[in-house]
Amino acid sequence: MPLTYLLRGWPLINSDAEAFRRLGGALRELRRHPLHGLDRASFQQLCELSDCVDDLLVPSAPATWAAHNG
């Protein structure tokens, strides 16, 4: 089941913001649902990866861009 979430955002066909949004959404969904067989360390890595993808998207958000350049 977790693989179906990842397949929504992977593979990254290009590096545009929309591709990272799809991947970020898939990772957030994985964080919300119980993952059978995933140990604590792996879950922590999943959370860190999800946070990193979210951090990549922050500068591309129009409101954030306007706030920094306004």
C-alpha atoms as a PDB file:
ATOM      1  CA  MET A   1       0.000   0.000   0.000  1.00  0.00           C
ATOM      2  CA  PRO A   2       2.707   2.606   0.802  1.00  0.00           C
ATOM      3  CA  LEU A   3       4.169   2.129  -2.661  1.00  0.00           C
ATOM      4  CA  THR A   4       0.937   3.380  -4.231  1.00  0.00           C
ATOM      5  CA  TYR A   5       1.437   6.705  -2.441  1.00  0.00           C
ATOM      6  CA  LEU A   6       5.010   7.015  -3.669  1.00  0.00           C
ATOM      7  CA  LEU A   7       4.080   6.179  -7.231  1.00  0.00           C
ATOM      8  CA  ARG A   8       2.008   9.381  -7.320  1.00  0.00           C
ATOM      9  CA  GLY A   9       5.185  11.426  -7.102  1.00  0.00           C
ATOM     10  CA  TRP A  10       7.923   9.153  -8.381  1.00  0.00           C
ATOM     11  CA  PRO A  11       9.851   9.054 -10.598  1.00  0.00           C
ATOM     12  CA  LEU A  12      10.617  12.730 -10.906  1.00  0.00           C
ATOM     13  CA  ILE A  13      10.370  13.378 -14.610  1.00  0.00           C
ATOM     14  CA  ASN A  14      11.801  16.866 -14.230  1.00  0.00           C
ATOM     15  CA  SER A  15      12.762  19.219 -11.420  1.00  0.00           C
ATOM     16  CA  ASP A  16       9.952  21.734 -11.656  1.00  0.00           C
ATOM     17  CA  ALA A  17       7.949  22.746  -8.595  1.00  0.00           C
ATOM     18  CA  GLU A  18       4.902  20.681  -9.601  1.00  0.00           C
ATOM     19  CA  ALA A  19       6.938  17.463  -9.636  1.00  0.00           C
ATOM     20  CA  PHE A  20       8.215  18.212  -6.126  1.00  0.00           C
ATOM     21  CA  ARG A  21       4.684  19.084  -4.973  1.00  0.00           C
ATOM     22  CA  ARG A  22       3.480  15.655  -6.121  1.00  0.00           C
ATOM     23  CA  LEU A  23       6.379  13.936  -4.371  1.00  0.00           C
ATOM     24  CA  GLY A  24       5.850  16.014  -1.228  1.00  0.00           C
ATOM     25  CA  GLY A  25       2.146  15.165  -1.207  1.00  0.00           C
ATOM     26  CA  ALA A  26       2.903  11.471  -1.540  1.00  0.00           C
ATOM     27  CA  LEU A  27       5.420  11.606   1.309  1.00  0.00           C
ATOM     28  CA  ARG A  28       2.969  13.494   3.546  1.00  0.00           C
ATOM     29  CA  GLU A  29       0.334  10.834   2.873  1.00  0.00           C
ATOM     30  CA  LEU A  30       2.814   8.127   3.845  1.00  0.00           C
ATOM     31  CA  ARG A  31       3.467   9.953   7.124  1.00  0.00           C
ATOM     32  CA  ARG A  32      -0.261  10.107   7.929  1.00  0.00           C
ATOM     33  CA  HIS A  33      -1.018   6.434   7.460  1.00  0.00           C
ATOM     34  CA  PRO A  34       0.341   3.568   9.524  1.00  0.00           C
ATOM     35  CA  LEU A  35       3.146   1.795   7.719  1.00  0.00           C
ATOM     36  CA  HIS A  36       3.286  -1.884   8.568  1.00  0.00           C
ATOM     37  CA  GLY A  37       6.765  -3.222   9.040  1.00  0.00           C
ATOM     38  CA  LEU A  38       8.433   0.195   9.157  1.00  0.00           C
ATOM     39  CA  ASP A  39      10.733   0.617  12.137  1.00  0.00           C
ATOM     40  CA  ARG A  40      11.180   3.849  14.070  1.00  0.00           C
ATOM     41  CA  ALA A  41      14.439   4.812  12.346  1.00  0.00           C
ATOM     42  CA  SER A  42      12.928   4.319   8.881  1.00  0.00           C
ATOM     43  CA  PHE A  43       9.866   6.359   9.836  1.00  0.00           C
ATOM     44  CA  GLN A  44      12.178   9.139  11.054  1.00  0.00           C
ATOM     45  CA  GLN A  45      14.000   9.073   7.709  1.00  0.00           C
ATOM     46  CA  LEU A  46      10.671   9.296   5.893  1.00  0.00           C
ATOM     47  CA  CYS A  47       9.729  12.337   7.987  1.00  0.00           C
ATOM     48  CA  GLU A  48      13.079  14.009   7.311  1.00  0.00           C
ATOM     49  CA  LEU A  49      12.773  13.377   3.577  1.00  0.00           C
ATOM     50  CA  SER A  50       9.254  14.783   3.584  1.00  0.00           C
ATOM     51  CA  ASP A  51      10.457  17.882   5.449  1.00  0.00           C
ATOM     52  CA  CYS A  52      13.333  18.346   2.989  1.00  0.00           C
ATOM     53  CA  VAL A  53      10.975  18.233   0.004  1.00  0.00           C
ATOM     54  CA  ASP A  54       8.701  20.754   1.745  1.00  0.00           C
ATOM     55  CA  ASP A  55      11.715  23.008   2.374  1.00  0.00           C
ATOM     56  CA  LEU A  56      12.585  22.878  -1.319  1.00  0.00           C
ATOM     57  CA  LEU A  57       9.098  24.083  -2.184  1.00  0.00           C
ATOM     58  CA  VAL A  58       8.981  27.053   0.185  1.00  0.00           C
ATOM     59  CA  PRO A  59      10.994  29.429  -2.054  1.00  0.00           C
ATOM     60  CA  SER A  60       8.837  28.537  -5.057  1.00  0.00           C
ATOM     61  CA  ALA A  61       5.594  29.513  -3.333  1.00  0.00           C
ATOM     62  CA  PRO A  62       4.347  32.842  -4.785  1.00  0.00           C
ATOM     63  CA  ALA A  63       3.395  34.305  -1.383  1.00  0.00           C
ATOM     64  CA  THR A  64       6.827  33.491   0.049  1.00  0.00           C
ATOM     65  CA  TRP A  65       8.554  34.858  -3.020  1.00  0.00           C
ATOM     66  CA  ALA A  66       6.574  38.097  -2.813  1.00  0.00           C
ATOM     67  CA  ALA A  67       7.329  38.451   0.897  1.00  0.00           C
ATOM     68  CA  HIS A  68      11.070  38.082   0.321  1.00  0.00           C
ATOM     69  CA  ASN A  69      11.184  40.266  -2.770  1.00  0.00           C
ATOM     70  CA  GLY A  70       8.439  42.751  -2.034  1.00  0.00           C
END
